[in-house]
Structures are given as structure tokens and as C-alpha cells.
């Protein structure tokens, strides 16, 4: 039920609330669509966790929407402030580049 609430969240406030509730009881899911949503979370720590999971899915060949991932990375790069988060973004960009 918590995962479905997160899947259905649309606005950033809804996503934050649903993600926070979900993460108090569970680890991040192996679901790219849900992870893309979590990238909108205001906490860069949560965002880095989602990026790590996306990186893992990418290595496993489980992300087919690579252009969508690139768009999310571009949007995210414009709003993050922490160097650690930028490093995650750069790492996934390098992964995507190596897959081309």
C-alpha cells in the first residue's frame, strides 16, 4: 500500500511525504519509475540513494528509458548543491556514455 501511494504521488510535496513514509519501513524498490519520482525529493541523501539504485539497475540492463534518465539527471544537476550528489550524477552520466 505504501508503494502504491508513492507510485500515485504526482506533486513534489506528495512525493516527499509518500517517500518518507515508505522509507521508514522499506528500502528503495528496484523500480525505475518510482526511483525517478524519488529524484524529486528535497533531501539530497534520499536522492543519492535513488541514484545509487538507478546506477545498479543500469548496470543490470534493467533501465530501458535511458533518455528519460538523462533528462532527470539534467534537471537534478541544476538544483543539487552537494558535491556528493554531483558525483553520483557524473557517475551515472559516465555509465550512460559507456553504453552508447
PDB file of N, CA and C in Angstrom:
ATOM      1  N   UNK A   1       0.823  -1.192   0.000  1.00  0.00           N
ATOM      2  CA  UNK A   1       0.000   0.000   0.000  1.00  0.00           C
ATOM      3  C   UNK A   1       0.870   1.260   0.000  1.00  0.00           C
ATOM      4  N   UNK A   2       1.951   1.238   0.769  1.00  0.00           N
ATOM      5  CA  UNK A   2       2.843   2.401   0.795  1.00  0.00           C
ATOM      6  C   UNK A   2       3.488   2.635  -0.567  1.00  0.00           C
ATOM      7  N   UNK A   3       3.851   1.528  -1.233  1.00  0.00           N
ATOM      8  CA  UNK A   3       4.454   1.646  -2.553  1.00  0.00           C
ATOM      9  C   UNK A   3       3.449   2.198  -3.556  1.00  0.00           C
ATOM     10  N   UNK A   4       2.208   1.767  -3.470  1.00  0.00           N
ATOM     11  CA  UNK A   4       1.183   2.278  -4.373  1.00  0.00           C
ATOM     12  C   UNK A   4       0.936   3.767  -4.149  1.00  0.00           C
ATOM     13  N   UNK A   5       1.012   4.181  -2.907  1.00  0.00           N
ATOM     14  CA  UNK A   5       0.852   5.608  -2.615  1.00  0.00           C
ATOM     15  C   UNK A   5       1.989   6.402  -3.256  1.00  0.00           C
ATOM     16  N   UNK A   6       3.196   5.860  -3.178  1.00  0.00           N
ATOM     17  CA  UNK A   6       4.348   6.510  -3.792  1.00  0.00           C
ATOM     18  C   UNK A   6       4.209   6.524  -5.312  1.00  0.00           C
ATOM     19  N   UNK A   7       3.762   5.415  -5.878  1.00  0.00           N
ATOM     20  CA  UNK A   7       3.550   5.359  -7.334  1.00  0.00           C
ATOM     21  C   UNK A   7       2.535   6.403  -7.796  1.00  0.00           C
ATOM     22  N   UNK A   8       1.516   6.635  -6.994  1.00  0.00           N
ATOM     23  CA  UNK A   8       0.448   7.558  -7.367  1.00  0.00           C
ATOM     24  C   UNK A   8       0.748   9.019  -7.089  1.00  0.00           C
ATOM     25  N   UNK A   9       1.793   9.292  -6.333  1.00  0.00           N
ATOM     26  CA  UNK A   9       2.141  10.682  -5.996  1.00  0.00           C
ATOM     27  C   UNK A   9       2.573  11.431  -7.253  1.00  0.00           C
ATOM     28  N   UNK A  10       2.118  12.666  -7.383  1.00  0.00           N
ATOM     29  CA  UNK A  10       2.431  13.460  -8.574  1.00  0.00           C
ATOM     30  C   UNK A  10       3.186  14.757  -8.250  1.00  0.00           C
ATOM     31  N   UNK A  11       2.752  15.436  -7.234  1.00  0.00           N
ATOM     32  CA  UNK A  11       3.349  16.724  -6.874  1.00  0.00           C
ATOM     33  C   UNK A  11       4.552  16.501  -5.953  1.00  0.00           C
ATOM     34  N   UNK A  12       5.540  17.391  -5.990  1.00  0.00           N
ATOM     35  CA  UNK A  12       6.726  17.222  -5.134  1.00  0.00           C
ATOM     36  C   UNK A  12       6.403  17.017  -3.652  1.00  0.00           C
ATOM     37  N   UNK A  13       5.437  17.725  -3.123  1.00  0.00           N
ATOM     38  CA  UNK A  13       5.066  17.552  -1.720  1.00  0.00           C
ATOM     39  C   UNK A  13       4.507  16.168  -1.447  1.00  0.00           C
ATOM     40  N   UNK A  14       3.671  15.693  -2.360  1.00  0.00           N
ATOM     41  CA  UNK A  14       3.110  14.340  -2.235  1.00  0.00           C
ATOM     42  C   UNK A  14       4.212  13.288  -2.326  1.00  0.00           C
ATOM     43  N   UNK A  15       5.137  13.502  -3.247  1.00  0.00           N
ATOM     44  CA  UNK A  15       6.233  12.551  -3.439  1.00  0.00           C
ATOM     45  C   UNK A  15       7.099  12.498  -2.189  1.00  0.00           C
ATOM     46  N   UNK A  16       7.414  13.658  -1.612  1.00  0.00           N
ATOM     47  CA  UNK A  16       8.234  13.693  -0.407  1.00  0.00           C
ATOM     48  C   UNK A  16       7.545  12.948   0.724  1.00  0.00           C
ATOM     49  N   UNK A  17       6.292  13.255   0.944  1.00  0.00           N
ATOM     50  CA  UNK A  17       5.549  12.622   2.036  1.00  0.00           C
ATOM     51  C   UNK A  17       5.447  11.111   1.841  1.00  0.00           C
ATOM     52  N   UNK A  18       5.079  10.686   0.633  1.00  0.00           N
ATOM     53  CA  UNK A  18       4.937   9.258   0.352  1.00  0.00           C
ATOM     54  C   UNK A  18       6.285   8.542   0.445  1.00  0.00           C
ATOM     55  N   UNK A  19       7.338   9.185  -0.046  1.00  0.00           N
ATOM     56  CA  UNK A  19       8.673   8.576   0.018  1.00  0.00           C
ATOM     57  C   UNK A  19       9.146   8.456   1.462  1.00  0.00           C
ATOM     58  N   UNK A  20       8.933   9.497   2.250  1.00  0.00           N
ATOM     59  CA  UNK A  20       9.354   9.454   3.650  1.00  0.00           C
ATOM     60  C   UNK A  20       8.649   8.330   4.410  1.00  0.00           C
ATOM     61  N   UNK A  21       7.361   8.186   4.185  1.00  0.00           N
ATOM     62  CA  UNK A  21       6.603   7.115   4.844  1.00  0.00           C
ATOM     63  C   UNK A  21       7.111   5.751   4.369  1.00  0.00           C
ATOM     64  N   UNK A  22       7.299   5.615   3.075  1.00  0.00           N
ATOM     65  CA  UNK A  22       7.773   4.350   2.524  1.00  0.00           C
ATOM     66  C   UNK A  22       9.147   3.992   3.089  1.00  0.00           C
ATOM     67  N   UNK A  23      10.056   4.969   3.119  1.00  0.00           N
ATOM     68  CA  UNK A  23      11.430   4.705   3.533  1.00  0.00           C
ATOM     69  C   UNK A  23      11.574   4.428   5.028  1.00  0.00           C
ATOM     70  N   UNK A  24      10.572   4.777   5.834  1.00  0.00           N
ATOM     71  CA  UNK A  24      10.650   4.439   7.256  1.00  0.00           C
ATOM     72  C   UNK A  24      10.433   2.947   7.481  1.00  0.00           C
ATOM     73  N   UNK A  25       9.848   2.269   6.498  1.00  0.00           N
ATOM     74  CA  UNK A  25       9.529   0.852   6.649  1.00  0.00           C
ATOM     75  C   UNK A  25      10.232  -0.060   5.640  1.00  0.00           C
ATOM     76  N   UNK A  26      10.741   0.516   4.547  1.00  0.00           N
ATOM     77  CA  UNK A  26      11.280  -0.291   3.455  1.00  0.00           C
ATOM     78  C   UNK A  26      12.536   0.347   2.868  1.00  0.00           C
ATOM     79  N   UNK A  27      13.270  -0.464   2.120  1.00  0.00           N
ATOM     80  CA  UNK A  27      14.380   0.026   1.304  1.00  0.00           C
ATOM     81  C   UNK A  27      13.799   0.505  -0.022  1.00  0.00           C
ATOM     82  N   UNK A  28      14.590   1.245  -0.773  1.00  0.00           N
ATOM     83  CA  UNK A  28      14.125   1.690  -2.085  1.00  0.00           C
ATOM     84  C   UNK A  28      13.825   0.489  -2.985  1.00  0.00           C
ATOM     85  N   UNK A  29      12.759   0.579  -3.755  1.00  0.00           N
ATOM     86  CA  UNK A  29      12.405  -0.536  -4.636  1.00  0.00           C
ATOM     87  C   UNK A  29      13.275  -0.567  -5.894  1.00  0.00           C
ATOM     88  N   UNK A  30      13.302  -1.713  -6.550  1.00  0.00           N
ATOM     89  CA  UNK A  30      14.004  -1.858  -7.836  1.00  0.00           C
ATOM     90  C   UNK A  30      13.056  -1.498  -8.966  1.00  0.00           C
ATOM     91  N   UNK A  31      12.512  -0.313  -8.920  1.00  0.00           N
ATOM     92  CA  UNK A  31      11.522   0.139  -9.892  1.00  0.00           C
ATOM     93  C   UNK A  31      11.951   1.518 -10.389  1.00  0.00           C
ATOM     94  N   UNK A  32      12.402   1.576 -11.638  1.00  0.00           N
ATOM     95  CA  UNK A  32      12.933   2.823 -12.187  1.00  0.00           C
ATOM     96  C   UNK A  32      11.928   3.967 -12.120  1.00  0.00           C
ATOM     97  N   UNK A  33      10.654   3.696 -12.399  1.00  0.00           N
ATOM     98  CA  UNK A  33       9.651   4.757 -12.373  1.00  0.00           C
ATOM     99  C   UNK A  33       9.523   5.376 -10.979  1.00  0.00           C
ATOM    100  N   UNK A  34       9.525   4.530  -9.965  1.00  0.00           N
ATOM    101  CA  UNK A  34       9.448   5.024  -8.585  1.00  0.00           C
ATOM    102  C   UNK A  34      10.721   5.786  -8.243  1.00  0.00           C
ATOM    103  N   UNK A  35      11.867   5.260  -8.649  1.00  0.00           N
ATOM    104  CA  UNK A  35      13.138   5.935  -8.370  1.00  0.00           C
ATOM    105  C   UNK A  35      13.215   7.293  -9.064  1.00  0.00           C
ATOM    106  N   UNK A  36      12.686   7.383 -10.279  1.00  0.00           N
ATOM    107  CA  UNK A  36      12.638   8.677 -10.974  1.00  0.00           C
ATOM    108  C   UNK A  36      11.843   9.683 -10.148  1.00  0.00           C
ATOM    109  N   UNK A  37      10.746   9.244  -9.562  1.00  0.00           N
ATOM    110  CA  UNK A  37       9.944  10.134  -8.713  1.00  0.00           C
ATOM    111  C   UNK A  37      10.734  10.589  -7.492  1.00  0.00           C
ATOM    112  N   UNK A  38      11.448   9.643  -6.896  1.00  0.00           N
ATOM    113  CA  UNK A  38      12.192   9.954  -5.676  1.00  0.00           C
ATOM    114  C   UNK A  38      13.296  10.974  -5.951  1.00  0.00           C
ATOM    115  N   UNK A  39      13.740  11.088  -7.192  1.00  0.00           N
ATOM    116  CA  UNK A  39      14.737  12.104  -7.533  1.00  0.00           C
ATOM    117  C   UNK A  39      14.221  13.518  -7.282  1.00  0.00           C
ATOM    118  N   UNK A  40      12.905  13.676  -7.116  1.00  0.00           N
ATOM    119  CA  UNK A  40      12.329  14.987  -6.824  1.00  0.00           C
ATOM    120  C   UNK A  40      12.325  15.311  -5.328  1.00  0.00           C
ATOM    121  N   UNK A  41      12.747  14.362  -4.512  1.00  0.00           N
ATOM    122  CA  UNK A  41      12.760  14.543  -3.056  1.00  0.00           C
ATOM    123  C   UNK A  41      13.732  15.670  -2.708  1.00  0.00           C
ATOM    124  N   UNK A  42      13.395  16.515  -1.736  1.00  0.00           N
ATOM    125  CA  UNK A  42      14.279  17.630  -1.385  1.00  0.00           C
ATOM    126  C   UNK A  42      15.566  17.217  -0.656  1.00  0.00           C
ATOM    127  N   UNK A  43      15.586  16.047  -0.051  1.00  0.00           N
ATOM    128  CA  UNK A  43      16.783  15.598   0.662  1.00  0.00           C
ATOM    129  C   UNK A  43      17.764  14.973  -0.320  1.00  0.00           C
ATOM    130  N   UNK A  44      18.957  15.549  -0.399  1.00  0.00           N
ATOM    131  CA  UNK A  44      19.946  15.012  -1.322  1.00  0.00           C
ATOM    132  C   UNK A  44      20.431  13.633  -0.875  1.00  0.00           C
ATOM    133  N   UNK A  45      20.341  13.330   0.406  1.00  0.00           N
ATOM    134  CA  UNK A  45      20.699  11.994   0.877  1.00  0.00           C
ATOM    135  C   UNK A  45      19.755  10.959   0.257  1.00  0.00           C
ATOM    136  N   UNK A  46      18.475  11.244   0.261  1.00  0.00           N
ATOM    137  CA  UNK A  46      17.482  10.353  -0.338  1.00  0.00           C
ATOM    138  C   UNK A  46      17.709  10.260  -1.850  1.00  0.00           C
ATOM    139  N   UNK A  47      18.007  11.392  -2.457  1.00  0.00           N
ATOM    140  CA  UNK A  47      18.269  11.430  -3.896  1.00  0.00           C
ATOM    141  C   UNK A  47      19.484  10.559  -4.235  1.00  0.00           C
ATOM    142  N   UNK A  48      20.542  10.645  -3.420  1.00  0.00           N
ATOM    143  CA  UNK A  48      21.731   9.829  -3.678  1.00  0.00           C
ATOM    144  C   UNK A  48      21.416   8.336  -3.564  1.00  0.00           C
ATOM    145  N   UNK A  49      20.578   7.978  -2.623  1.00  0.00           N
ATOM    146  CA  UNK A  49      20.173   6.571  -2.501  1.00  0.00           C
ATOM    147  C   UNK A  49      19.458   6.126  -3.778  1.00  0.00           C
ATOM    148  N   UNK A  50      18.568   6.975  -4.279  1.00  0.00           N
ATOM    149  CA  UNK A  50      17.848   6.649  -5.515  1.00  0.00           C
ATOM    150  C   UNK A  50      18.812   6.571  -6.702  1.00  0.00           C
ATOM    151  N   UNK A  51      19.770   7.481  -6.747  1.00  0.00           N
ATOM    152  CA  UNK A  51      20.753   7.449  -7.832  1.00  0.00           C
ATOM    153  C   UNK A  51      21.595   6.176  -7.775  1.00  0.00           C
ATOM    154  N   UNK A  52      21.961   5.760  -6.588  1.00  0.00           N
ATOM    155  CA  UNK A  52      22.721   4.519  -6.442  1.00  0.00           C
ATOM    156  C   UNK A  52      21.934   3.322  -6.940  1.00  0.00           C
ATOM    157  N   UNK A  53      20.658   3.310  -6.615  1.00  0.00           N
ATOM    158  CA  UNK A  53      19.790   2.215  -7.063  1.00  0.00           C
ATOM    159  C   UNK A  53      19.619   2.263  -8.580  1.00  0.00           C
ATOM    160  N   UNK A  54      19.457   3.460  -9.138  1.00  0.00           N
ATOM    161  CA  UNK A  54      19.340   3.594 -10.594  1.00  0.00           C
ATOM    162  C   UNK A  54      20.619   3.136 -11.279  1.00  0.00           C
ATOM    163  N   UNK A  55      21.760   3.450 -10.701  1.00  0.00           N
ATOM    164  CA  UNK A  55      23.039   3.011 -11.255  1.00  0.00           C
ATOM    165  C   UNK A  55      23.107   1.491 -11.297  1.00  0.00           C
ATOM    166  N   UNK A  56      22.671   0.868 -10.237  1.00  0.00           N
ATOM    167  CA  UNK A  56      22.654  -0.589 -10.175  1.00  0.00           C
ATOM    168  C   UNK A  56      21.730  -1.178 -11.242  1.00  0.00           C
ATOM    169  N   UNK A  57      20.558  -0.611 -11.392  1.00  0.00           N
ATOM    170  CA  UNK A  57      19.618  -1.079 -12.419  1.00  0.00           C
ATOM    171  C   UNK A  57      20.195  -0.887 -13.817  1.00  0.00           C
ATOM    172  N   UNK A  58      20.906   0.208 -13.997  1.00  0.00           N
ATOM    173  CA  UNK A  58      21.523   0.488 -15.293  1.00  0.00           C
ATOM    174  C   UNK A  58      22.589  -0.563 -15.607  1.00  0.00           C
ATOM    175  N   UNK A  59      23.396  -0.916 -14.624  1.00  0.00           N
ATOM    176  CA  UNK A  59      24.433  -1.943 -14.813  1.00  0.00           C
ATOM    177  C   UNK A  59      23.808  -3.303 -15.135  1.00  0.00           C
ATOM    178  N   UNK A  60      22.634  -3.552 -14.582  1.00  0.00           N
ATOM    179  CA  UNK A  60      21.945  -4.821 -14.812  1.00  0.00           C
ATOM    180  C   UNK A  60      21.163  -4.836 -16.133  1.00  0.00           C
ATOM    181  N   UNK A  61      21.154  -3.700 -16.825  1.00  0.00           N
ATOM    182  CA  UNK A  61      20.411  -3.613 -18.077  1.00  0.00           C
ATOM    183  C   UNK A  61      18.918  -3.529 -17.879  1.00  0.00           C
ATOM    184  N   UNK A  62      18.495  -3.059 -16.705  1.00  0.00           N
ATOM    185  CA  UNK A  62      17.069  -3.025 -16.380  1.00  0.00           C
ATOM    186  C   UNK A  62      16.441  -1.652 -16.563  1.00  0.00           C
ATOM    187  N   UNK A  63      17.180  -0.711 -17.157  1.00  0.00           N
ATOM    188  CA  UNK A  63      16.608   0.605 -17.477  1.00  0.00           C
ATOM    189  C   UNK A  63      16.613   0.739 -18.992  1.00  0.00           C
ATOM    190  N   UNK A  64      15.428   0.812 -19.551  1.00  0.00           N
ATOM    191  CA  UNK A  64      15.310   0.962 -20.999  1.00  0.00           C
ATOM    192  C   UNK A  64      15.107   2.433 -21.376  1.00  0.00           C
ATOM    193  N   UNK A  65      14.612   3.230 -20.461  1.00  0.00           N
ATOM    194  CA  UNK A  65      14.329   4.644 -20.715  1.00  0.00           C
ATOM    195  C   UNK A  65      15.565   5.491 -20.408  1.00  0.00           C
ATOM    196  N   UNK A  66      16.623   5.259 -21.186  1.00  0.00           N
ATOM    197  CA  UNK A  66      17.884   5.961 -20.922  1.00  0.00           C
ATOM    198  C   UNK A  66      17.768   7.468 -21.180  1.00  0.00           C
ATOM    199  N   UNK A  67      16.994   7.851 -22.186  1.00  0.00           N
ATOM    200  CA  UNK A  67      16.803   9.280 -22.453  1.00  0.00           C
ATOM    201  C   UNK A  67      16.061   9.950 -21.306  1.00  0.00           C
ATOM    202  N   UNK A  68      15.091   9.259 -20.750  1.00  0.00           N
ATOM    203  CA  UNK A  68      14.360   9.790 -19.603  1.00  0.00           C
ATOM    204  C   UNK A  68      15.303   9.942 -18.406  1.00  0.00           C
ATOM    205  N   UNK A  69      16.166   8.974 -18.209  1.00  0.00           N
ATOM    206  CA  UNK A  69      17.148   9.067 -17.134  1.00  0.00           C
ATOM    207  C   UNK A  69      18.061  10.267 -17.348  1.00  0.00           C
ATOM    208  N   UNK A  70      18.515  10.485 -18.564  1.00  0.00           N
ATOM    209  CA  UNK A  70      19.358  11.642 -18.866  1.00  0.00           C
ATOM    210  C   UNK A  70      18.630  12.952 -18.561  1.00  0.00           C
ATOM    211  N   UNK A  71      17.363  13.032 -18.910  1.00  0.00           N
ATOM    212  CA  UNK A  71      16.574  14.230 -18.617  1.00  0.00           C
ATOM    213  C   UNK A  71      16.482  14.474 -17.116  1.00  0.00           C
ATOM    214  N   UNK A  72      16.235  13.414 -16.370  1.00  0.00           N
ATOM    215  CA  UNK A  72      16.164  13.552 -14.912  1.00  0.00           C
ATOM    216  C   UNK A  72      17.508  14.011 -14.342  1.00  0.00           C
ATOM    217  N   UNK A  73      18.588  13.476 -14.870  1.00  0.00           N
ATOM    218  CA  UNK A  73      19.917  13.881 -14.398  1.00  0.00           C
ATOM    219  C   UNK A  73      20.174  15.352 -14.686  1.00  0.00           C
ATOM    220  N   UNK A  74      19.782  15.817 -15.868  1.00  0.00           N
ATOM    221  CA  UNK A  74      19.964  17.226 -16.227  1.00  0.00           C
ATOM    222  C   UNK A  74      19.170  18.136 -15.303  1.00  0.00           C
ATOM    223  N   UNK A  75      17.928  17.773 -15.046  1.00  0.00           N
ATOM    224  CA  UNK A  75      17.086  18.558 -14.139  1.00  0.00           C
ATOM    225  C   UNK A  75      17.683  18.565 -12.738  1.00  0.00           C
ATOM    226  N   UNK A  76      18.098  17.408 -12.301  1.00  0.00           N
ATOM    227  CA  UNK A  76      18.663  17.270 -10.966  1.00  0.00           C
ATOM    228  C   UNK A  76      19.957  18.068 -10.825  1.00  0.00           C
ATOM    229  N   UNK A  77      20.795  18.039 -11.839  1.00  0.00           N
ATOM    230  CA  UNK A  77      22.081  18.744 -11.795  1.00  0.00           C
ATOM    231  C   UNK A  77      21.898  20.249 -11.600  1.00  0.00           C
ATOM    232  N   UNK A  78      20.770  20.769 -12.053  1.00  0.00           N
ATOM    233  CA  UNK A  78      20.506  22.204 -11.921  1.00  0.00           C
ATOM    234  C   UNK A  78      20.066  22.609 -10.525  1.00  0.00           C
ATOM    235  N   UNK A  79      19.669  21.642  -9.687  1.00  0.00           N
ATOM    236  CA  UNK A  79      19.156  22.021  -8.373  1.00  0.00           C
ATOM    237  C   UNK A  79      19.972  21.509  -7.186  1.00  0.00           C
ATOM    238  N   UNK A  80      20.848  20.535  -7.410  1.00  0.00           N
ATOM    239  CA  UNK A  80      21.586  19.992  -6.275  1.00  0.00           C
ATOM    240  C   UNK A  80      22.702  20.932  -5.839  1.00  0.00           C
ATOM    241  N   UNK A  81      23.069  20.815  -4.566  1.00  0.00           N
ATOM    242  CA  UNK A  81      24.099  21.691  -4.017  1.00  0.00           C
ATOM    243  C   UNK A  81      25.301  20.941  -3.469  1.00  0.00           C
ATOM    244  N   UNK A  82      25.113  19.659  -3.153  1.00  0.00           N
ATOM    245  CA  UNK A  82      26.173  18.901  -2.510  1.00  0.00           C
ATOM    246  C   UNK A  82      27.066  18.207  -3.545  1.00  0.00           C
ATOM    247  N   UNK A  83      28.383  18.274  -3.291  1.00  0.00           N
ATOM    248  CA  UNK A  83      29.341  17.654  -4.207  1.00  0.00           C
ATOM    249  C   UNK A  83      29.119  16.146  -4.329  1.00  0.00           C
ATOM    250  N   UNK A  84      28.730  15.510  -3.239  1.00  0.00           N
ATOM    251  CA  UNK A  84      28.498  14.060  -3.277  1.00  0.00           C
ATOM    252  C   UNK A  84      27.390  13.715  -4.268  1.00  0.00           C
ATOM    253  N   UNK A  85      26.359  14.540  -4.313  1.00  0.00           N
ATOM    254  CA  UNK A  85      25.251  14.289  -5.234  1.00  0.00           C
ATOM    255  C   UNK A  85      25.712  14.528  -6.665  1.00  0.00           C
ATOM    256  N   UNK A  86      26.486  15.563  -6.876  1.00  0.00           N
ATOM    257  CA  UNK A  86      27.019  15.830  -8.225  1.00  0.00           C
ATOM    258  C   UNK A  86      27.892  14.662  -8.700  1.00  0.00           C
ATOM    259  N   UNK A  87      28.626  14.080  -7.775  1.00  0.00           N
ATOM    260  CA  UNK A  87      29.478  12.938  -8.109  1.00  0.00           C
ATOM    261  C   UNK A  87      28.629  11.742  -8.575  1.00  0.00           C
ATOM    262  N   UNK A  88      27.528  11.502  -7.898  1.00  0.00           N
ATOM    263  CA  UNK A  88      26.618  10.428  -8.321  1.00  0.00           C
ATOM    264  C   UNK A  88      26.087  10.705  -9.727  1.00  0.00           C
ATOM    265  N   UNK A  89      25.679  11.939  -9.955  1.00  0.00           N
ATOM    266  CA  UNK A  89      25.150  12.313 -11.279  1.00  0.00           C
ATOM    267  C   UNK A  89      26.211  12.081 -12.349  1.00  0.00           C
ATOM    268  N   UNK A  90      27.434  12.536 -12.074  1.00  0.00           N
ATOM    269  CA  UNK A  90      28.521  12.361 -13.045  1.00  0.00           C
ATOM    270  C   UNK A  90      28.813  10.887 -13.295  1.00  0.00           C
ATOM    271  N   UNK A  91      28.734  10.080 -12.248  1.00  0.00           N
ATOM    272  CA  UNK A  91      28.979   8.652 -12.395  1.00  0.00           C
ATOM    273  C   UNK A  91      27.946   7.978 -13.280  1.00  0.00           C
ATOM    274  N   UNK A  92      26.690   8.337 -13.093  1.00  0.00           N
ATOM    275  CA  UNK A  92      25.641   7.742 -13.933  1.00  0.00           C
ATOM    276  C   UNK A  92      25.754   8.249 -15.362  1.00  0.00           C
ATOM    277  N   UNK A  93      26.122   9.506 -15.526  1.00  0.00           N
ATOM    278  CA  UNK A  93      26.325  10.021 -16.888  1.00  0.00           C
ATOM    279  C   UNK A  93      27.438   9.240 -17.584  1.00  0.00           C
ATOM    280  N   UNK A  94      28.509   8.929 -16.854  1.00  0.00           N
ATOM    281  CA  UNK A  94      29.604   8.150 -17.429  1.00  0.00           C
ATOM    282  C   UNK A  94      29.128   6.739 -17.805  1.00  0.00           C
ATOM    283  N   UNK A  95      28.302   6.151 -16.957  1.00  0.00           N
ATOM    284  CA  UNK A  95      27.725   4.834 -17.258  1.00  0.00           C
ATOM    285  C   UNK A  95      26.915   4.893 -18.546  1.00  0.00           C
ATOM    286  N   UNK A  96      26.074   5.913 -18.654  1.00  0.00           N
ATOM    287  CA  UNK A  96      25.243   6.054 -19.847  1.00  0.00           C
ATOM    288  C   UNK A  96      26.111   6.230 -21.088  1.00  0.00           C
ATOM    289  N   UNK A  97      27.164   7.006 -20.963  1.00  0.00           N
ATOM    290  CA  UNK A  97      28.067   7.252 -22.096  1.00  0.00           C
ATOM    291  C   UNK A  97      28.731   5.952 -22.534  1.00  0.00           C
ATOM    292  N   UNK A  98      29.108   5.128 -21.574  1.00  0.00           N
ATOM    293  CA  UNK A  98      29.782   3.872 -21.927  1.00  0.00           C
ATOM    294  C   UNK A  98      28.822   2.872 -22.589  1.00  0.00           C
ATOM    295  N   UNK A  99      27.535   3.070 -22.422  1.00  0.00           N
ATOM    296  CA  UNK A  99      26.555   2.176 -23.030  1.00  0.00           C
ATOM    297  C   UNK A  99      26.206   2.572 -24.460  1.00  0.00           C
ATOM    298  N   UNK A 100      26.638   3.742 -24.879  1.00  0.00           N
ATOM    299  CA  UNK A 100      26.302   4.212 -26.228  1.00  0.00           C
ATOM    300  C   UNK A 100      27.187   3.595 -27.271  1.00  0.00           C
TER     301      UNK A 100
END
